[in-house]
């Protein structure tokens, strides 16, 4: 289920492909399908209980199994009903650092990544809003659109350390609790005073999007680093073949 409505048919136009076979000596064939946020159906919380919604934002260029493991473990540890993987349109922290893949491609990959994963869904809320993506703006919009939900912002300890540099931090404190994801046996940064937060431990997986982009460029294996449908999406859209 989408977080907010879209024009009929518009959302499904950028759907990720699914591998359905390969020709003799040729590339795999892809079959279009409606994106996850067109198909997602969630279980409603019990009557009288507010829904607990996790917000896991990122560029997802590409989304890998480390992202999914963090999202699933945060959902379990923080007792969330669902987690929205919010694809940034123009992440202000990364502007000028490197060229990003088009937002539609990154959204299609996230849609492919969460396909069939209970409790996870892709969200294009920042893409539709356009411009630079600020977490406070996203939380404010979700607060208005999901009045029956409590919002939980999922952050790694490295992101938590940078919270003082974020825009509109006072609004963040009001709009959401923070779920800090830590690796086993470590104690990373904690939110500054005034934030409501809890800590969830997630498995340590040394996977980086930078390495995956380099693997695509060099023709190295992607298996078990990306979900199969994400690999199909990367290859089908010709992503990461040039540059890092």
C-alpha atoms as a PDB file:
ATOM      1  CA  UNK A   1       0.000   0.000   0.000  1.00  0.00           C
ATOM      2  CA  UNK A   2       1.350   3.404  -0.944  1.00  0.00           C
ATOM      3  CA  UNK A   3       1.814   5.995   1.732  1.00  0.00           C
ATOM      4  CA  UNK A   4      -0.003   8.574  -0.398  1.00  0.00           C
ATOM      5  CA  UNK A   5      -2.134   8.420  -3.559  1.00  0.00           C
ATOM      6  CA  UNK A   6      -0.740   8.727  -7.092  1.00  0.00           C
ATOM      7  CA  UNK A   7      -2.282   9.323 -10.478  1.00  0.00           C
ATOM      8  CA  UNK A   8      -3.814   6.131 -11.923  1.00  0.00           C
ATOM      9  CA  UNK A   9      -1.204   4.123 -13.795  1.00  0.00           C
ATOM     10  CA  UNK A  10       1.624   6.597 -13.102  1.00  0.00           C
ATOM     11  CA  UNK A  11       3.216   4.615 -10.296  1.00  0.00           C
ATOM     12  CA  UNK A  12       3.341   1.381 -12.255  1.00  0.00           C
ATOM     13  CA  UNK A  13       5.138   2.936 -15.211  1.00  0.00           C
ATOM     14  CA  UNK A  14       8.571   2.640 -13.570  1.00  0.00           C
ATOM     15  CA  UNK A  15       8.127  -0.934 -12.368  1.00  0.00           C
ATOM     16  CA  UNK A  16      11.135  -3.154 -11.921  1.00  0.00           C
ATOM     17  CA  UNK A  17      11.501  -6.129 -14.233  1.00  0.00           C
ATOM     18  CA  UNK A  18      11.484  -9.785 -13.240  1.00  0.00           C
ATOM     19  CA  UNK A  19      13.713 -12.411 -14.802  1.00  0.00           C
ATOM     20  CA  UNK A  20      11.574 -14.919 -16.694  1.00  0.00           C
ATOM     21  CA  UNK A  21      14.224 -16.721 -18.715  1.00  0.00           C
ATOM     22  CA  UNK A  22      17.025 -16.222 -21.194  1.00  0.00           C
ATOM     23  CA  UNK A  23      17.361 -16.700 -24.890  1.00  0.00           C
ATOM     24  CA  UNK A  24      20.043 -18.855 -26.431  1.00  0.00           C
ATOM     25  CA  UNK A  25      23.266 -17.032 -25.711  1.00  0.00           C
ATOM     26  CA  UNK A  26      21.325 -13.829 -25.179  1.00  0.00           C
ATOM     27  CA  UNK A  27      20.574 -11.654 -22.166  1.00  0.00           C
ATOM     28  CA  UNK A  28      17.824 -12.469 -19.682  1.00  0.00           C
ATOM     29  CA  UNK A  29      14.307 -11.412 -20.561  1.00  0.00           C
ATOM     30  CA  UNK A  30      12.382  -9.198 -18.165  1.00  0.00           C
ATOM     31  CA  UNK A  31       8.702  -9.073 -17.427  1.00  0.00           C
ATOM     32  CA  UNK A  32       7.130  -5.831 -16.223  1.00  0.00           C
ATOM     33  CA  UNK A  33       5.079  -5.877 -13.054  1.00  0.00           C
ATOM     34  CA  UNK A  34       3.361  -3.425 -10.768  1.00  0.00           C
ATOM     35  CA  UNK A  35       5.768  -1.987  -8.169  1.00  0.00           C
ATOM     36  CA  UNK A  36       5.597  -3.127  -4.578  1.00  0.00           C
ATOM     37  CA  UNK A  37       3.986   0.076  -3.383  1.00  0.00           C
ATOM     38  CA  UNK A  38       1.062  -0.666  -5.759  1.00  0.00           C
ATOM     39  CA  UNK A  39       0.655  -4.186  -4.378  1.00  0.00           C
ATOM     40  CA  UNK A  40       1.573  -3.904  -0.692  1.00  0.00           C
ATOM     41  CA  UNK A  41      -1.185  -4.930   1.658  1.00  0.00           C
ATOM     42  CA  UNK A  42      -0.611  -4.628   5.376  1.00  0.00           C
ATOM     43  CA  UNK A  43      -2.291  -6.041   8.415  1.00  0.00           C
ATOM     44  CA  UNK A  44      -4.071  -3.349  10.373  1.00  0.00           C
ATOM     45  CA  UNK A  45      -3.167  -2.955  14.040  1.00  0.00           C
ATOM     46  CA  UNK A  46      -5.623  -4.071  16.678  1.00  0.00           C
ATOM     47  CA  UNK A  47      -8.544  -1.747  17.311  1.00  0.00           C
ATOM     48  CA  UNK A  48      -7.525   0.995  19.720  1.00  0.00           C
ATOM     49  CA  UNK A  49      -3.781   0.566  19.116  1.00  0.00           C
ATOM     50  CA  UNK A  50      -1.779   3.104  17.139  1.00  0.00           C
ATOM     51  CA  UNK A  51       0.231   1.767  14.238  1.00  0.00           C
ATOM     52  CA  UNK A  52       4.011   1.822  14.643  1.00  0.00           C
ATOM     53  CA  UNK A  53       5.655   2.824  11.364  1.00  0.00           C
ATOM     54  CA  UNK A  54       9.415   2.770  10.794  1.00  0.00           C
ATOM     55  CA  UNK A  55      11.067   5.212   8.389  1.00  0.00           C
ATOM     56  CA  UNK A  56      14.299   3.960   6.829  1.00  0.00           C
ATOM     57  CA  UNK A  57      15.631   6.528   4.378  1.00  0.00           C
ATOM     58  CA  UNK A  58      18.543   6.412   1.980  1.00  0.00           C
ATOM     59  CA  UNK A  59      19.774   6.846  -1.553  1.00  0.00           C
ATOM     60  CA  UNK A  60      19.688   3.051  -2.076  1.00  0.00           C
ATOM     61  CA  UNK A  61      22.114   3.201  -4.992  1.00  0.00           C
ATOM     62  CA  UNK A  62      21.760   0.227  -5.015  1.00  0.00           C
ATOM     63  CA  UNK A  63      19.784  -1.330  -2.126  1.00  0.00           C
ATOM     64  CA  UNK A  64      21.640  -4.414  -0.847  1.00  0.00           C
ATOM     65  CA  UNK A  65      21.011  -7.211   1.623  1.00  0.00           C
ATOM     66  CA  UNK A  66      22.589  -5.158   4.407  1.00  0.00           C
ATOM     67  CA  UNK A  67      19.782  -2.612   4.048  1.00  0.00           C
ATOM     68  CA  UNK A  68      17.157  -5.344   4.213  1.00  0.00           C
ATOM     69  CA  UNK A  69      18.735  -7.038   7.236  1.00  0.00           C
ATOM     70  CA  UNK A  70      18.834  -3.706   9.087  1.00  0.00           C
ATOM     71  CA  UNK A  71      15.214  -2.892   8.195  1.00  0.00           C
ATOM     72  CA  UNK A  72      13.911  -6.323   9.189  1.00  0.00           C
ATOM     73  CA  UNK A  73      15.801  -6.413  12.479  1.00  0.00           C
ATOM     74  CA  UNK A  74      14.742  -2.867  13.328  1.00  0.00           C
ATOM     75  CA  UNK A  75      11.138  -3.841  12.651  1.00  0.00           C
ATOM     76  CA  UNK A  76      11.455  -6.864  14.945  1.00  0.00           C
ATOM     77  CA  UNK A  77      13.462  -5.216  17.701  1.00  0.00           C
ATOM     78  CA  UNK A  78      11.349  -2.049  17.875  1.00  0.00           C
ATOM     79  CA  UNK A  79       8.066  -3.934  17.418  1.00  0.00           C
ATOM     80  CA  UNK A  80       7.109  -1.995  14.298  1.00  0.00           C
ATOM     81  CA  UNK A  81       4.086  -2.876  12.200  1.00  0.00           C
ATOM     82  CA  UNK A  82       5.858  -1.940   8.988  1.00  0.00           C
ATOM     83  CA  UNK A  83       8.961  -0.174   7.713  1.00  0.00           C
ATOM     84  CA  UNK A  84       8.939   2.236   4.775  1.00  0.00           C
ATOM     85  CA  UNK A  85      12.157   2.352   2.760  1.00  0.00           C
ATOM     86  CA  UNK A  86      12.078   5.996   1.684  1.00  0.00           C
ATOM     87  CA  UNK A  87      14.101   6.701  -1.465  1.00  0.00           C
ATOM     88  CA  UNK A  88      15.753  10.127  -1.343  1.00  0.00           C
ATOM     89  CA  UNK A  89      15.193  12.432  -4.289  1.00  0.00           C
ATOM     90  CA  UNK A  90      18.186  14.746  -3.803  1.00  0.00           C
ATOM     91  CA  UNK A  91      20.006  13.813  -0.577  1.00  0.00           C
ATOM     92  CA  UNK A  92      21.488  17.093   0.639  1.00  0.00           C
ATOM     93  CA  UNK A  93      24.423  15.331   2.328  1.00  0.00           C
ATOM     94  CA  UNK A  94      25.593  13.728  -0.934  1.00  0.00           C
ATOM     95  CA  UNK A  95      25.034  16.534  -3.432  1.00  0.00           C
ATOM     96  CA  UNK A  96      28.271  17.182  -5.289  1.00  0.00           C
ATOM     97  CA  UNK A  97      29.965  14.075  -3.867  1.00  0.00           C
ATOM     98  CA  UNK A  98      29.127  11.856  -6.844  1.00  0.00           C
ATOM     99  CA  UNK A  99      26.482  11.471  -9.506  1.00  0.00           C
ATOM    100  CA  UNK A 100      23.475   9.498  -8.338  1.00  0.00           C
ATOM    101  CA  UNK A 101      21.422   7.103 -10.411  1.00  0.00           C
ATOM    102  CA  UNK A 102      18.051   8.543 -11.472  1.00  0.00           C
ATOM    103  CA  UNK A 103      15.503   8.472  -8.672  1.00  0.00           C
ATOM    104  CA  UNK A 104      13.131   6.320 -10.742  1.00  0.00           C
ATOM    105  CA  UNK A 105      15.826   3.651 -11.102  1.00  0.00           C
ATOM    106  CA  UNK A 106      16.631   3.682  -7.393  1.00  0.00           C
ATOM    107  CA  UNK A 107      12.944   3.413  -6.542  1.00  0.00           C
ATOM    108  CA  UNK A 108      12.533   0.469  -8.931  1.00  0.00           C
ATOM    109  CA  UNK A 109      15.443  -1.311  -7.241  1.00  0.00           C
ATOM    110  CA  UNK A 110      13.984  -0.797  -3.769  1.00  0.00           C
ATOM    111  CA  UNK A 111      10.629  -2.028  -5.013  1.00  0.00           C
ATOM    112  CA  UNK A 112      12.345  -5.159  -6.329  1.00  0.00           C
ATOM    113  CA  UNK A 113      14.264  -5.604  -3.076  1.00  0.00           C
ATOM    114  CA  UNK A 114      11.184  -5.603  -0.832  1.00  0.00           C
ATOM    115  CA  UNK A 115       8.994  -7.684  -3.121  1.00  0.00           C
ATOM    116  CA  UNK A 116       7.489 -10.472  -1.027  1.00  0.00           C
ATOM    117  CA  UNK A 117       9.136  -9.296   2.217  1.00  0.00           C
ATOM    118  CA  UNK A 118       6.456  -8.992   4.897  1.00  0.00           C
ATOM    119  CA  UNK A 119       6.401  -5.665   6.682  1.00  0.00           C
ATOM    120  CA  UNK A 120       8.670  -3.781   4.260  1.00  0.00           C
ATOM    121  CA  UNK A 121       7.496  -1.388   1.547  1.00  0.00           C
ATOM    122  CA  UNK A 122       9.081   1.127  -0.822  1.00  0.00           C
ATOM    123  CA  UNK A 123       8.054   4.776  -0.563  1.00  0.00           C
ATOM    124  CA  UNK A 124       8.499   7.507  -3.174  1.00  0.00           C
ATOM    125  CA  UNK A 125       7.274  10.317  -0.927  1.00  0.00           C
ATOM    126  CA  UNK A 126      10.498  12.335  -1.290  1.00  0.00           C
ATOM    127  CA  UNK A 127      10.680  11.780  -5.039  1.00  0.00           C
ATOM    128  CA  UNK A 128       7.151  13.053  -5.552  1.00  0.00           C
ATOM    129  CA  UNK A 129       7.825  16.054  -3.332  1.00  0.00           C
ATOM    130  CA  UNK A 130      10.839  16.913  -5.485  1.00  0.00           C
ATOM    131  CA  UNK A 131      13.868  19.045  -4.688  1.00  0.00           C
ATOM    132  CA  UNK A 132      16.262  18.348  -1.867  1.00  0.00           C
ATOM    133  CA  UNK A 133      15.232  15.646   0.578  1.00  0.00           C
ATOM    134  CA  UNK A 134      15.097  16.612   4.254  1.00  0.00           C
ATOM    135  CA  UNK A 135      14.029  14.057   6.833  1.00  0.00           C
ATOM    136  CA  UNK A 136      12.092  16.621   8.873  1.00  0.00           C
ATOM    137  CA  UNK A 137       9.930  17.465   5.841  1.00  0.00           C
ATOM    138  CA  UNK A 138       9.251  13.778   5.203  1.00  0.00           C
ATOM    139  CA  UNK A 139       8.286  13.106   8.809  1.00  0.00           C
ATOM    140  CA  UNK A 140       5.997  16.137   8.848  1.00  0.00           C
ATOM    141  CA  UNK A 141       4.259  14.943   5.678  1.00  0.00           C
ATOM    142  CA  UNK A 142       3.851  11.412   7.020  1.00  0.00           C
ATOM    143  CA  UNK A 143       2.589  12.782  10.325  1.00  0.00           C
ATOM    144  CA  UNK A 144      -0.213  14.522   8.435  1.00  0.00           C
ATOM    145  CA  UNK A 145      -0.970  11.585   6.131  1.00  0.00           C
ATOM    146  CA  UNK A 146      -0.851   8.888   8.840  1.00  0.00           C
ATOM    147  CA  UNK A 147      -2.623  10.522  11.798  1.00  0.00           C
ATOM    148  CA  UNK A 148      -3.192   7.144  13.461  1.00  0.00           C
ATOM    149  CA  UNK A 149       0.493   6.183  13.455  1.00  0.00           C
ATOM    150  CA  UNK A 150       3.541   6.719  15.625  1.00  0.00           C
ATOM    151  CA  UNK A 151       6.680   7.294  13.556  1.00  0.00           C
ATOM    152  CA  UNK A 152      10.096   5.749  14.247  1.00  0.00           C
ATOM    153  CA  UNK A 153      13.155   7.010  12.373  1.00  0.00           C
ATOM    154  CA  UNK A 154      15.677   4.193  11.808  1.00  0.00           C
ATOM    155  CA  UNK A 155      19.303   5.375  11.813  1.00  0.00           C
ATOM    156  CA  UNK A 156      22.738   3.807  11.950  1.00  0.00           C
ATOM    157  CA  UNK A 157      25.065   5.087  14.637  1.00  0.00           C
ATOM    158  CA  UNK A 158      27.116   6.955  12.006  1.00  0.00           C
ATOM    159  CA  UNK A 159      24.011   8.894  10.962  1.00  0.00           C
ATOM    160  CA  UNK A 160      23.147   9.510  14.616  1.00  0.00           C
ATOM    161  CA  UNK A 161      26.563  11.109  15.119  1.00  0.00           C
ATOM    162  CA  UNK A 162      25.711  13.617  12.404  1.00  0.00           C
ATOM    163  CA  UNK A 163      22.294  14.594  13.802  1.00  0.00           C
ATOM    164  CA  UNK A 164      23.497  17.993  15.094  1.00  0.00           C
ATOM    165  CA  UNK A 165      24.278  19.011  11.478  1.00  0.00           C
ATOM    166  CA  UNK A 166      20.809  18.142  10.162  1.00  0.00           C
ATOM    167  CA  UNK A 167      18.192  20.704   9.195  1.00  0.00           C
ATOM    168  CA  UNK A 168      15.215  21.356  11.527  1.00  0.00           C
ATOM    169  CA  UNK A 169      16.363  19.040  14.317  1.00  0.00           C
ATOM    170  CA  UNK A 170      13.802  20.459  16.751  1.00  0.00           C
ATOM    171  CA  UNK A 171      11.033  19.190  14.475  1.00  0.00           C
ATOM    172  CA  UNK A 172      12.653  15.748  14.391  1.00  0.00           C
ATOM    173  CA  UNK A 173      12.381  15.495  18.159  1.00  0.00           C
ATOM    174  CA  UNK A 174       8.679  16.253  18.033  1.00  0.00           C
ATOM    175  CA  UNK A 175       7.716  14.074  15.062  1.00  0.00           C
ATOM    176  CA  UNK A 176       9.430  10.727  15.666  1.00  0.00           C
ATOM    177  CA  UNK A 177      11.283   8.456  18.037  1.00  0.00           C
ATOM    178  CA  UNK A 178      14.658   7.205  16.825  1.00  0.00           C
ATOM    179  CA  UNK A 179      15.632   3.563  16.450  1.00  0.00           C
ATOM    180  CA  UNK A 180      19.432   3.313  16.546  1.00  0.00           C
ATOM    181  CA  UNK A 181      20.783   0.195  14.831  1.00  0.00           C
ATOM    182  CA  UNK A 182      24.057  -1.052  16.352  1.00  0.00           C
ATOM    183  CA  UNK A 183      26.356  -3.884  15.393  1.00  0.00           C
ATOM    184  CA  UNK A 184      26.879  -6.734  17.878  1.00  0.00           C
ATOM    185  CA  UNK A 185      29.341  -5.960  20.634  1.00  0.00           C
ATOM    186  CA  UNK A 186      29.612  -2.265  19.789  1.00  0.00           C
ATOM    187  CA  UNK A 187      28.164   0.892  21.245  1.00  0.00           C
ATOM    188  CA  UNK A 188      27.995   3.608  18.632  1.00  0.00           C
ATOM    189  CA  UNK A 189      26.817   7.188  18.858  1.00  0.00           C
ATOM    190  CA  UNK A 190      23.601   8.044  20.665  1.00  0.00           C
ATOM    191  CA  UNK A 191      21.180  10.895  19.920  1.00  0.00           C
ATOM    192  CA  UNK A 192      21.762  14.173  21.747  1.00  0.00           C
ATOM    193  CA  UNK A 193      19.684  15.113  24.769  1.00  0.00           C
ATOM    194  CA  UNK A 194      16.034  15.675  24.035  1.00  0.00           C
ATOM    195  CA  UNK A 195      15.519  12.793  21.601  1.00  0.00           C
ATOM    196  CA  UNK A 196      13.432   9.738  22.433  1.00  0.00           C
ATOM    197  CA  UNK A 197      15.267   6.642  21.246  1.00  0.00           C
ATOM    198  CA  UNK A 198      15.857   2.934  21.608  1.00  0.00           C
ATOM    199  CA  UNK A 199      18.716   0.725  20.412  1.00  0.00           C
ATOM    200  CA  UNK A 200      18.377  -2.394  18.270  1.00  0.00           C
ATOM    201  CA  UNK A 201      21.234  -4.776  17.534  1.00  0.00           C
ATOM    202  CA  UNK A 202      21.591  -5.946  13.918  1.00  0.00           C
ATOM    203  CA  UNK A 203      23.995  -8.462  12.356  1.00  0.00           C
ATOM    204  CA  UNK A 204      27.274  -7.072  11.057  1.00  0.00           C
ATOM    205  CA  UNK A 205      27.453  -7.349   7.265  1.00  0.00           C
ATOM    206  CA  UNK A 206      30.362  -5.676   5.503  1.00  0.00           C
ATOM    207  CA  UNK A 207      28.548  -4.731   2.302  1.00  0.00           C
ATOM    208  CA  UNK A 208      28.771  -1.334   0.638  1.00  0.00           C
ATOM    209  CA  UNK A 209      26.939   0.199  -2.285  1.00  0.00           C
ATOM    210  CA  UNK A 210      30.259   1.641  -3.479  1.00  0.00           C
ATOM    211  CA  UNK A 211      31.751  -1.849  -3.782  1.00  0.00           C
ATOM    212  CA  UNK A 212      28.660  -3.166  -5.543  1.00  0.00           C
ATOM    213  CA  UNK A 213      28.767  -0.389  -8.142  1.00  0.00           C
ATOM    214  CA  UNK A 214      32.425  -1.253  -8.759  1.00  0.00           C
ATOM    215  CA  UNK A 215      31.527  -4.940  -9.096  1.00  0.00           C
ATOM    216  CA  UNK A 216      28.985  -4.164 -11.789  1.00  0.00           C
ATOM    217  CA  UNK A 217      31.501  -2.052 -13.676  1.00  0.00           C
ATOM    218  CA  UNK A 218      34.176  -4.780 -13.409  1.00  0.00           C
ATOM    219  CA  UNK A 219      31.842  -7.682 -14.165  1.00  0.00           C
ATOM    220  CA  UNK A 220      32.328  -9.345 -10.776  1.00  0.00           C
ATOM    221  CA  UNK A 221      29.626 -11.476  -9.068  1.00  0.00           C
ATOM    222  CA  UNK A 222      26.698  -9.816  -7.321  1.00  0.00           C
ATOM    223  CA  UNK A 223      25.050 -12.967  -5.987  1.00  0.00           C
ATOM    224  CA  UNK A 224      24.095 -12.910  -2.275  1.00  0.00           C
ATOM    225  CA  UNK A 225      25.018  -9.212  -2.055  1.00  0.00           C
ATOM    226  CA  UNK A 226      21.853  -8.072  -3.819  1.00  0.00           C
ATOM    227  CA  UNK A 227      18.465  -9.778  -3.972  1.00  0.00           C
ATOM    228  CA  UNK A 228      17.988 -11.604  -7.248  1.00  0.00           C
ATOM    229  CA  UNK A 229      15.323  -9.180  -8.490  1.00  0.00           C
ATOM    230  CA  UNK A 230      17.598  -6.216  -7.754  1.00  0.00           C
ATOM    231  CA  UNK A 231      20.359  -7.820  -9.831  1.00  0.00           C
ATOM    232  CA  UNK A 232      17.843  -8.214 -12.647  1.00  0.00           C
ATOM    233  CA  UNK A 233      16.854  -4.576 -12.284  1.00  0.00           C
ATOM    234  CA  UNK A 234      20.477  -3.385 -12.339  1.00  0.00           C
ATOM    235  CA  UNK A 235      21.324  -5.411 -15.430  1.00  0.00           C
ATOM    236  CA  UNK A 236      18.051  -4.695 -17.196  1.00  0.00           C
ATOM    237  CA  UNK A 237      18.432  -0.935 -16.747  1.00  0.00           C
ATOM    238  CA  UNK A 238      22.137  -0.892 -17.563  1.00  0.00           C
ATOM    239  CA  UNK A 239      23.122   0.739 -14.270  1.00  0.00           C
ATOM    240  CA  UNK A 240      26.678   1.310 -12.977  1.00  0.00           C
ATOM    241  CA  UNK A 241      28.410   0.275 -16.173  1.00  0.00           C
ATOM    242  CA  UNK A 242      30.298   3.564 -16.377  1.00  0.00           C
ATOM    243  CA  UNK A 243      31.863   5.385 -13.447  1.00  0.00           C
ATOM    244  CA  UNK A 244      31.480   4.679  -9.712  1.00  0.00           C
END
